């Protein structure tokens, strides 16, 4: 049984490794523009990014930059309402999911990874202290 599981695991790793190999960045290459001495790339939303320093100082290739969906595309969770034991919707002790935990001077909070995967950042406040929880 263990041999079969090991073979399946190795096969899965090989498939993932092959699938991840590409000569072009995921999502394509960025459009490159020149503005005088500046080297500019343009993301999918049309926002321009100055990459002159990265190209000139570190040898990055402007065409090799990946472009994403632009800034502000993934909305953070802002000042979430936390549940306490006994509240409607509070997970049962038998619940099985991963969380990111944070403890600020005894004020403990947990953020489920299945939620963080869609938002990546929680803007939170502990008393007068502002905290960004990132995943």
Protein backbone atom coordinates (compact mmCIF):
# COMPACT_ATOMS: atom_id res chain seq x y z
CA UNK A 1 0.00 0.00 0.00
CA UNK A 2 2.82 2.42 0.92
CA UNK A 3 4.58 1.71 -2.39
CA UNK A 4 1.42 2.63 -4.33
CA UNK A 5 1.01 5.86 -2.37
CA UNK A 6 4.68 6.78 -2.95
CA UNK A 7 4.37 6.12 -6.68
CA UNK A 8 1.18 8.20 -6.89
CA UNK A 9 2.89 11.03 -4.98
CA UNK A 10 5.96 10.96 -7.25
CA UNK A 11 3.72 10.90 -10.34
CA UNK A 12 1.76 13.88 -8.99
CA UNK A 13 4.96 15.84 -8.32
CA UNK A 14 6.23 15.07 -11.83
CA UNK A 15 2.95 16.22 -13.42
CA UNK A 16 2.98 19.47 -11.42
CA UNK A 17 6.64 20.10 -12.29
CA UNK A 18 5.98 19.58 -15.99
CA UNK A 19 2.87 21.73 -15.91
CA UNK A 20 4.77 24.56 -14.23
CA UNK A 21 7.51 24.68 -16.85
CA UNK A 22 6.85 27.34 -19.44
CA UNK A 23 8.99 29.64 -21.51
CA UNK A 24 6.53 32.50 -21.13
CA UNK A 25 5.33 33.93 -17.83
CA UNK A 26 1.79 32.96 -16.84
CA UNK A 27 -0.62 35.54 -18.16
CA UNK A 28 1.72 36.58 -20.95
CA UNK A 29 4.37 39.21 -21.14
CA UNK A 30 3.89 42.84 -20.32
CA UNK A 31 3.62 45.50 -22.98
CA UNK A 32 6.82 47.55 -22.86
CA UNK A 33 6.87 51.26 -23.63
CA UNK A 34 9.63 53.85 -23.58
CA UNK A 35 9.07 57.36 -22.28
CA UNK A 36 12.36 59.19 -22.75
CA UNK A 37 14.81 57.36 -20.46
CA UNK A 38 12.04 55.55 -18.60
CA UNK A 39 11.10 51.92 -19.27
CA UNK A 40 7.40 51.34 -18.65
CA UNK A 41 5.34 48.14 -18.59
CA UNK A 42 1.54 48.11 -18.78
CA UNK A 43 -0.69 45.69 -16.84
CA UNK A 44 -4.00 44.20 -18.00
CA UNK A 45 -5.94 47.15 -16.56
CA UNK A 46 -3.84 49.66 -18.52
CA UNK A 47 -1.91 50.89 -15.47
CA UNK A 48 1.68 51.82 -16.24
CA UNK A 49 4.59 50.71 -14.05
CA UNK A 50 8.06 52.26 -14.20
CA UNK A 51 10.61 49.40 -14.20
CA UNK A 52 13.61 51.50 -15.22
CA UNK A 53 15.52 50.91 -11.97
CA UNK A 54 14.99 47.13 -12.07
CA UNK A 55 16.18 46.96 -15.67
CA UNK A 56 19.15 49.33 -15.39
CA UNK A 57 20.42 48.42 -11.91
CA UNK A 58 19.64 44.70 -11.69
CA UNK A 59 19.56 43.54 -15.29
CA UNK A 60 15.89 42.54 -15.35
CA UNK A 61 14.39 42.13 -18.80
CA UNK A 62 11.36 44.39 -19.23
CA UNK A 63 9.60 41.88 -21.54
CA UNK A 64 9.98 39.15 -18.91
CA UNK A 65 7.88 40.96 -16.31
CA UNK A 66 4.58 39.28 -15.64
CA UNK A 67 1.59 41.49 -15.51
CA UNK A 68 -1.33 40.83 -13.28
CA UNK A 69 -4.87 41.97 -12.97
CA UNK A 70 -3.81 45.32 -11.57
CA UNK A 71 -3.87 46.90 -8.14
CA UNK A 72 -6.94 46.72 -5.91
CA UNK A 73 -8.27 43.65 -7.74
CA UNK A 74 -8.33 41.56 -4.56
CA UNK A 75 -10.42 43.28 -1.93
CA UNK A 76 -9.20 43.06 1.68
CA UNK A 77 -11.49 42.27 4.57
CA UNK A 78 -11.86 45.45 6.60
CA UNK A 79 -12.69 45.38 10.31
CA UNK A 80 -14.32 41.94 10.34
CA UNK A 81 -16.95 40.97 12.88
CA UNK A 82 -15.54 38.20 15.05
CA UNK A 83 -17.64 35.39 16.48
CA UNK A 84 -17.30 34.06 20.00
CA UNK A 85 -18.10 30.57 21.28
CA UNK A 86 -21.87 30.23 21.49
CA UNK A 87 -22.55 32.77 18.72
CA UNK A 88 -24.59 31.60 15.74
CA UNK A 89 -22.17 30.55 13.01
CA UNK A 90 -19.27 29.84 15.39
CA UNK A 91 -17.53 26.63 14.28
CA UNK A 92 -18.08 23.50 16.33
CA UNK A 93 -15.12 21.94 18.19
CA UNK A 94 -15.22 19.14 15.58
CA UNK A 95 -14.63 21.60 12.71
CA UNK A 96 -11.48 20.86 10.76
CA UNK A 97 -9.98 23.80 8.86
CA UNK A 98 -6.75 25.78 9.00
CA UNK A 99 -6.51 29.31 10.33
CA UNK A 100 -4.02 32.11 10.78
CA UNK A 101 -4.00 33.14 14.42
CA UNK A 102 -3.02 36.48 15.90
CA UNK A 103 -2.62 37.42 19.55
CA UNK A 104 -2.28 41.09 20.48
CA UNK A 105 -1.84 41.53 24.23
CA UNK A 106 -4.23 38.65 24.96
CA UNK A 107 -6.82 39.64 22.33
CA UNK A 108 -6.79 36.53 20.13
CA UNK A 109 -8.30 36.25 16.67
CA UNK A 110 -8.36 33.52 14.02
CA UNK A 111 -8.79 33.94 10.27
CA UNK A 112 -9.77 30.83 8.25
CA UNK A 113 -7.45 30.11 5.31
CA UNK A 114 -10.43 29.27 3.09
CA UNK A 115 -11.50 32.91 3.54
CA UNK A 116 -7.98 34.39 3.41
CA UNK A 117 -7.33 32.64 0.08
CA UNK A 118 -9.91 34.91 -1.53
CA UNK A 119 -8.95 38.15 0.20
CA UNK A 120 -5.26 37.78 1.20
CA UNK A 121 -5.37 40.71 3.65
CA UNK A 122 -7.46 41.58 6.70
CA UNK A 123 -7.31 45.19 7.89
CA UNK A 124 -7.95 44.79 11.59
CA UNK A 125 -7.92 46.96 14.69
CA UNK A 126 -6.97 45.83 18.20
CA UNK A 127 -7.93 48.72 20.46
CA UNK A 128 -6.00 51.67 19.03
CA UNK A 129 -3.53 49.42 17.15
CA UNK A 130 -4.10 48.86 13.43
CA UNK A 131 -2.88 45.54 12.05
CA UNK A 132 -2.76 44.05 8.55
CA UNK A 133 -3.01 40.26 8.62
CA UNK A 134 -1.67 38.92 5.33
CA UNK A 135 -1.77 35.52 3.65
